[in-house]
Amino acid sequence: MKKQALFIINKKSGTTDKNNLSPQIKEWIDPELYSYKEIITEYRGHASILSAQAVREGCDLVVAAGGDGTINEVAKELIQTDTLLGIIPLGSGNEFARRLKIPLTPPKAIEILNK
């Protein structure tokens, strides 16, 4: 059975262009493992609201695609739940992802999610 994934994308994080992210997700995510949707954050705190909603709806995986702030917003809503956290580092520093040795390119980060 496919797992449900939500990609929460903060297009304002970091300095790189995020317009190629959707095609990269589509290309690299394993469609046999996941059905997914993408939502772009609209304001500070929006990722928290989206993550909490995903948990209530039984989402299996929430992927924070942004910087450390986006990751923090998503992660705090997943504490003490069965929903997993995924990370695609798109910030300017990506300190959290670097410390966890998460690949800094979207295709390689998505490969980790497939494993």
N, C-alpha and C. Protein backbone atom coordinates (compact mmCIF):
# COMPACT_ATOMS: atom_id res chain seq x y z
N MET A 1 0.84 -1.19 0.00
CA MET A 1 0.00 0.00 0.00
C MET A 1 0.88 1.25 0.00
N LYS A 2 0.53 2.21 -0.85
CA LYS A 2 1.31 3.44 -0.94
C LYS A 2 1.18 4.27 0.33
N LYS A 3 2.26 4.94 0.66
CA LYS A 3 2.26 5.87 1.77
C LYS A 3 1.88 7.25 1.25
N GLN A 4 1.21 8.01 2.10
CA GLN A 4 0.82 9.38 1.77
C GLN A 4 1.91 10.33 2.22
N ALA A 5 2.36 11.19 1.32
CA ALA A 5 3.40 12.16 1.64
C ALA A 5 2.92 13.56 1.29
N LEU A 6 3.31 14.51 2.12
CA LEU A 6 3.04 15.92 1.86
C LEU A 6 4.38 16.64 1.81
N PHE A 7 4.62 17.33 0.71
CA PHE A 7 5.81 18.17 0.57
C PHE A 7 5.39 19.60 0.87
N ILE A 8 5.94 20.16 1.93
CA ILE A 8 5.68 21.55 2.29
C ILE A 8 6.88 22.35 1.81
N ILE A 9 6.64 23.23 0.86
CA ILE A 9 7.71 23.94 0.17
C ILE A 9 7.70 25.41 0.55
N ASN A 10 8.83 25.88 1.04
CA ASN A 10 9.01 27.30 1.34
C ASN A 10 9.87 27.89 0.23
N LYS A 11 9.23 28.54 -0.73
CA LYS A 11 9.95 29.11 -1.87
C LYS A 11 10.76 30.35 -1.50
N LYS A 12 10.53 30.89 -0.31
CA LYS A 12 11.24 32.10 0.11
C LYS A 12 12.54 31.78 0.86
N SER A 13 12.74 30.52 1.22
CA SER A 13 13.94 30.17 1.98
C SER A 13 15.16 30.15 1.05
N GLY A 14 16.30 30.46 1.63
CA GLY A 14 17.55 30.38 0.88
C GLY A 14 17.65 31.34 -0.28
N THR A 15 18.59 31.04 -1.15
CA THR A 15 18.86 31.94 -2.27
C THR A 15 18.71 31.26 -3.63
N THR A 16 18.47 29.96 -3.64
CA THR A 16 18.39 29.25 -4.92
C THR A 16 16.96 29.27 -5.47
N ASP A 17 16.86 29.12 -6.77
CA ASP A 17 15.57 29.09 -7.46
C ASP A 17 14.85 27.78 -7.13
N LYS A 18 13.61 27.87 -6.69
CA LYS A 18 12.84 26.68 -6.30
C LYS A 18 11.90 26.20 -7.42
N ASN A 19 11.92 26.85 -8.57
CA ASN A 19 10.98 26.50 -9.64
C ASN A 19 11.21 25.11 -10.21
N ASN A 20 12.39 24.56 -10.07
CA ASN A 20 12.68 23.21 -10.58
C ASN A 20 12.34 22.12 -9.57
N LEU A 21 11.90 22.50 -8.38
CA LEU A 21 11.68 21.49 -7.34
C LEU A 21 10.54 20.53 -7.69
N SER A 22 9.40 21.03 -8.12
CA SER A 22 8.27 20.14 -8.46
C SER A 22 8.65 19.10 -9.50
N PRO A 23 9.30 19.49 -10.61
CA PRO A 23 9.71 18.47 -11.57
C PRO A 23 10.71 17.46 -10.98
N GLN A 24 11.57 17.93 -10.08
CA GLN A 24 12.54 17.01 -9.46
C GLN A 24 11.83 16.03 -8.54
N ILE A 25 10.83 16.51 -7.79
CA ILE A 25 10.08 15.60 -6.93
C ILE A 25 9.40 14.54 -7.79
N LYS A 26 8.73 14.98 -8.83
CA LYS A 26 8.02 14.05 -9.72
C LYS A 26 8.96 13.03 -10.34
N GLU A 27 10.15 13.48 -10.71
CA GLU A 27 11.12 12.59 -11.36
C GLU A 27 11.73 11.60 -10.38
N TRP A 28 12.02 12.03 -9.16
CA TRP A 28 12.81 11.22 -8.25
C TRP A 28 12.01 10.44 -7.22
N ILE A 29 10.80 10.87 -6.87
CA ILE A 29 10.04 10.14 -5.86
C ILE A 29 9.57 8.81 -6.45
N ASP A 30 9.60 7.77 -5.66
CA ASP A 30 9.19 6.46 -6.14
C ASP A 30 7.65 6.38 -6.11
N PRO A 31 7.02 6.36 -7.30
CA PRO A 31 5.55 6.35 -7.34
C PRO A 31 4.93 5.05 -6.84
N GLU A 32 5.74 4.01 -6.71
CA GLU A 32 5.22 2.77 -6.15
C GLU A 32 5.17 2.82 -4.63
N LEU A 33 5.96 3.71 -4.03
CA LEU A 33 5.98 3.86 -2.57
C LEU A 33 5.06 4.96 -2.08
N TYR A 34 4.96 6.05 -2.84
CA TYR A 34 4.28 7.25 -2.35
C TYR A 34 3.25 7.80 -3.33
N SER A 35 2.14 8.23 -2.78
CA SER A 35 1.31 9.21 -3.47
C SER A 35 1.54 10.49 -2.68
N TYR A 36 1.59 11.60 -3.35
CA TYR A 36 1.99 12.82 -2.66
C TYR A 36 1.28 14.04 -3.21
N LYS A 37 1.35 15.08 -2.40
CA LYS A 37 0.94 16.40 -2.86
C LYS A 37 1.94 17.41 -2.36
N GLU A 38 1.93 18.55 -3.00
CA GLU A 38 2.84 19.64 -2.65
C GLU A 38 2.02 20.87 -2.29
N ILE A 39 2.45 21.55 -1.24
CA ILE A 39 1.82 22.82 -0.87
C ILE A 39 2.93 23.83 -0.61
N ILE A 40 2.77 25.01 -1.15
CA ILE A 40 3.74 26.10 -0.95
C ILE A 40 3.27 26.95 0.21
N THR A 41 4.19 27.22 1.13
CA THR A 41 3.84 28.05 2.28
C THR A 41 3.58 29.48 1.82
N GLU A 42 2.67 30.14 2.53
CA GLU A 42 2.28 31.49 2.16
C GLU A 42 2.71 32.54 3.19
N TYR A 43 3.05 32.09 4.40
CA TYR A 43 3.42 33.03 5.45
C TYR A 43 4.13 32.27 6.57
N ARG A 44 4.79 33.01 7.46
CA ARG A 44 5.47 32.42 8.60
C ARG A 44 4.45 31.68 9.46
N GLY A 45 4.75 30.44 9.83
CA GLY A 45 3.86 29.63 10.63
C GLY A 45 2.94 28.74 9.81
N HIS A 46 2.86 28.97 8.52
CA HIS A 46 1.99 28.19 7.65
C HIS A 46 2.42 26.72 7.61
N ALA A 47 3.73 26.47 7.62
CA ALA A 47 4.22 25.08 7.60
C ALA A 47 3.75 24.32 8.83
N SER A 48 3.68 24.99 9.97
CA SER A 48 3.17 24.35 11.19
C SER A 48 1.71 23.95 11.04
N ILE A 49 0.92 24.86 10.51
CA ILE A 49 -0.51 24.60 10.32
C ILE A 49 -0.70 23.43 9.35
N LEU A 50 0.04 23.45 8.25
CA LEU A 50 -0.08 22.38 7.25
C LEU A 50 0.36 21.03 7.83
N SER A 51 1.41 21.04 8.63
CA SER A 51 1.91 19.79 9.23
C SER A 51 0.91 19.21 10.22
N ALA A 52 0.34 20.06 11.06
CA ALA A 52 -0.66 19.60 12.03
C ALA A 52 -1.86 19.00 11.31
N GLN A 53 -2.28 19.63 10.23
CA GLN A 53 -3.40 19.12 9.45
C GLN A 53 -3.05 17.76 8.83
N ALA A 54 -1.83 17.64 8.33
CA ALA A 54 -1.39 16.37 7.73
C ALA A 54 -1.42 15.24 8.76
N VAL A 55 -1.00 15.54 9.98
CA VAL A 55 -1.04 14.53 11.05
C VAL A 55 -2.48 14.11 11.33
N ARG A 56 -3.37 15.09 11.45
CA ARG A 56 -4.79 14.78 11.70
C ARG A 56 -5.39 13.92 10.59
N GLU A 57 -4.92 14.12 9.36
CA GLU A 57 -5.44 13.37 8.22
C GLU A 57 -4.75 12.02 8.02
N GLY A 58 -3.80 11.69 8.88
CA GLY A 58 -3.14 10.39 8.81
C GLY A 58 -2.03 10.30 7.79
N CYS A 59 -1.45 11.42 7.43
CA CYS A 59 -0.34 11.43 6.48
C CYS A 59 0.85 10.65 7.06
N ASP A 60 1.50 9.86 6.23
CA ASP A 60 2.62 9.04 6.69
C ASP A 60 3.94 9.80 6.77
N LEU A 61 4.12 10.78 5.88
CA LEU A 61 5.39 11.49 5.75
C LEU A 61 5.12 12.94 5.41
N VAL A 62 5.74 13.85 6.16
CA VAL A 62 5.70 15.26 5.82
C VAL A 62 7.13 15.69 5.53
N VAL A 63 7.34 16.25 4.35
CA VAL A 63 8.67 16.65 3.92
C VAL A 63 8.78 18.18 3.98
N ALA A 64 9.73 18.64 4.77
CA ALA A 64 10.01 20.07 4.86
C ALA A 64 11.01 20.41 3.77
N ALA A 65 10.58 21.18 2.79
CA ALA A 65 11.46 21.62 1.71
C ALA A 65 11.70 23.11 1.92
N GLY A 66 12.79 23.41 2.60
CA GLY A 66 13.09 24.79 2.95
C GLY A 66 14.33 24.83 3.82
N GLY A 67 14.44 25.89 4.58
CA GLY A 67 15.59 26.03 5.46
C GLY A 67 15.31 25.54 6.86
N ASP A 68 16.20 25.87 7.77
CA ASP A 68 16.08 25.41 9.15
C ASP A 68 14.78 25.87 9.80
N GLY A 69 14.30 27.06 9.46
CA GLY A 69 13.05 27.55 10.03
C GLY A 69 11.86 26.72 9.59
N THR A 70 11.84 26.35 8.32
CA THR A 70 10.76 25.51 7.80
C THR A 70 10.82 24.14 8.45
N ILE A 71 12.01 23.59 8.56
CA ILE A 71 12.18 22.28 9.20
C ILE A 71 11.66 22.34 10.63
N ASN A 72 11.99 23.40 11.36
CA ASN A 72 11.53 23.56 12.74
C ASN A 72 10.01 23.61 12.81
N GLU A 73 9.39 24.39 11.93
CA GLU A 73 7.93 24.49 11.94
C GLU A 73 7.27 23.13 11.72
N VAL A 74 7.81 22.36 10.78
CA VAL A 74 7.23 21.05 10.47
C VAL A 74 7.51 20.07 11.61
N ALA A 75 8.76 20.00 12.03
CA ALA A 75 9.17 18.99 13.01
C ALA A 75 8.41 19.12 14.33
N LYS A 76 8.19 20.34 14.79
CA LYS A 76 7.52 20.49 16.09
C LYS A 76 6.10 19.96 16.07
N GLU A 77 5.46 19.89 14.92
CA GLU A 77 4.11 19.36 14.82
C GLU A 77 4.09 17.83 14.71
N LEU A 78 5.24 17.23 14.44
CA LEU A 78 5.31 15.78 14.27
C LEU A 78 5.75 15.05 15.53
N ILE A 79 6.17 15.80 16.54
CA ILE A 79 6.61 15.19 17.79
C ILE A 79 5.47 14.38 18.41
N GLN A 80 5.80 13.19 18.86
CA GLN A 80 4.86 12.26 19.49
C GLN A 80 3.69 11.88 18.56
N THR A 81 4.00 11.78 17.26
CA THR A 81 3.03 11.27 16.28
C THR A 81 3.70 10.13 15.52
N ASP A 82 2.94 9.45 14.70
CA ASP A 82 3.50 8.39 13.85
C ASP A 82 3.92 8.91 12.49
N THR A 83 3.76 10.20 12.25
CA THR A 83 4.11 10.81 10.97
C THR A 83 5.61 11.06 10.92
N LEU A 84 6.23 10.62 9.84
CA LEU A 84 7.67 10.77 9.67
C LEU A 84 8.01 12.13 9.09
N LEU A 85 9.22 12.60 9.40
CA LEU A 85 9.75 13.86 8.89
C LEU A 85 10.75 13.56 7.78
N GLY A 86 10.57 14.21 6.64
CA GLY A 86 11.55 14.18 5.57
C GLY A 86 12.08 15.59 5.37
N ILE A 87 13.27 15.70 4.83
CA ILE A 87 13.89 17.02 4.65
C ILE A 87 14.51 17.13 3.27
N ILE A 88 14.16 18.22 2.59
CA ILE A 88 14.88 18.63 1.38
C ILE A 88 15.45 20.00 1.72
N PRO A 89 16.77 20.08 1.97
CA PRO A 89 17.36 21.34 2.41
C PRO A 89 17.43 22.37 1.28
N LEU A 90 16.77 23.51 1.52
CA LEU A 90 16.74 24.58 0.51
C LEU A 90 17.09 25.93 1.11
N GLY A 91 17.62 25.94 2.32
CA GLY A 91 17.94 27.19 2.99
C GLY A 91 19.29 27.73 2.57
N SER A 92 19.67 28.82 3.19
CA SER A 92 20.97 29.42 2.86
C SER A 92 22.10 28.74 3.63
N GLY A 93 21.84 28.22 4.82
CA GLY A 93 22.88 27.56 5.60
C GLY A 93 22.69 26.06 5.72
N ASN A 94 21.46 25.63 5.87
CA ASN A 94 21.11 24.21 6.00
C ASN A 94 21.88 23.51 7.11
N GLU A 95 22.07 24.20 8.22
CA GLU A 95 22.87 23.65 9.32
C GLU A 95 22.28 22.34 9.84
N PHE A 96 20.98 22.29 10.02
CA PHE A 96 20.34 21.08 10.55
C PHE A 96 20.59 19.90 9.62
N ALA A 97 20.36 20.09 8.34
CA ALA A 97 20.56 19.01 7.37
C ALA A 97 22.03 18.60 7.30
N ARG A 98 22.92 19.56 7.36
CA ARG A 98 24.36 19.25 7.32
C ARG A 98 24.75 18.37 8.51
N ARG A 99 24.24 18.71 9.68
CA ARG A 99 24.58 17.94 10.88
C ARG A 99 24.05 16.52 10.81
N LEU A 100 22.92 16.34 10.14
CA LEU A 100 22.34 15.00 9.99
C LEU A 100 22.86 14.28 8.73
N LYS A 101 23.75 14.96 8.01
CA LYS A 101 24.34 14.41 6.78
C LYS A 101 23.29 14.09 5.72
N ILE A 102 22.27 14.96 5.65
CA ILE A 102 21.26 14.85 4.60
C ILE A 102 21.83 15.51 3.36
N PRO A 103 21.74 14.84 2.22
CA PRO A 103 22.28 15.44 0.98
C PRO A 103 21.64 16.80 0.72
N LEU A 104 22.45 17.71 0.19
CA LEU A 104 22.00 19.09 -0.01
C LEU A 104 21.36 19.33 -1.38
N THR A 105 21.30 18.33 -2.22
CA THR A 105 20.63 18.50 -3.51
C THR A 105 19.29 17.76 -3.45
N PRO A 106 18.24 18.36 -4.02
CA PRO A 106 16.92 17.71 -3.96
C PRO A 106 16.90 16.27 -4.47
N PRO A 107 17.49 15.95 -5.63
CA PRO A 107 17.41 14.55 -6.07
C PRO A 107 18.02 13.57 -5.06
N LYS A 108 19.14 13.91 -4.48
CA LYS A 108 19.78 13.01 -3.53
C LYS A 108 19.00 12.93 -2.22
N ALA A 109 18.41 14.05 -1.79
CA ALA A 109 17.57 14.04 -0.57
C ALA A 109 16.32 13.19 -0.81
N ILE A 110 15.76 13.27 -1.99
CA ILE A 110 14.56 12.49 -2.33
C ILE A 110 14.90 10.99 -2.39
N GLU A 111 16.09 10.68 -2.88
CA GLU A 111 16.53 9.27 -2.89
C GLU A 111 16.51 8.69 -1.47
N ILE A 112 16.91 9.50 -0.49
CA ILE A 112 16.89 9.05 0.91
C ILE A 112 15.45 8.73 1.33
N LEU A 113 14.50 9.57 0.92
CA LEU A 113 13.10 9.33 1.27
C LEU A 113 12.61 8.01 0.68
N ASN A 114 13.11 7.66 -0.49
CA ASN A 114 12.71 6.41 -1.12
C ASN A 114 13.24 5.18 -0.40
N LYS A 115 14.29 5.36 0.38
CA LYS A 115 14.90 4.25 1.11
C LYS A 115 14.23 4.08 2.45
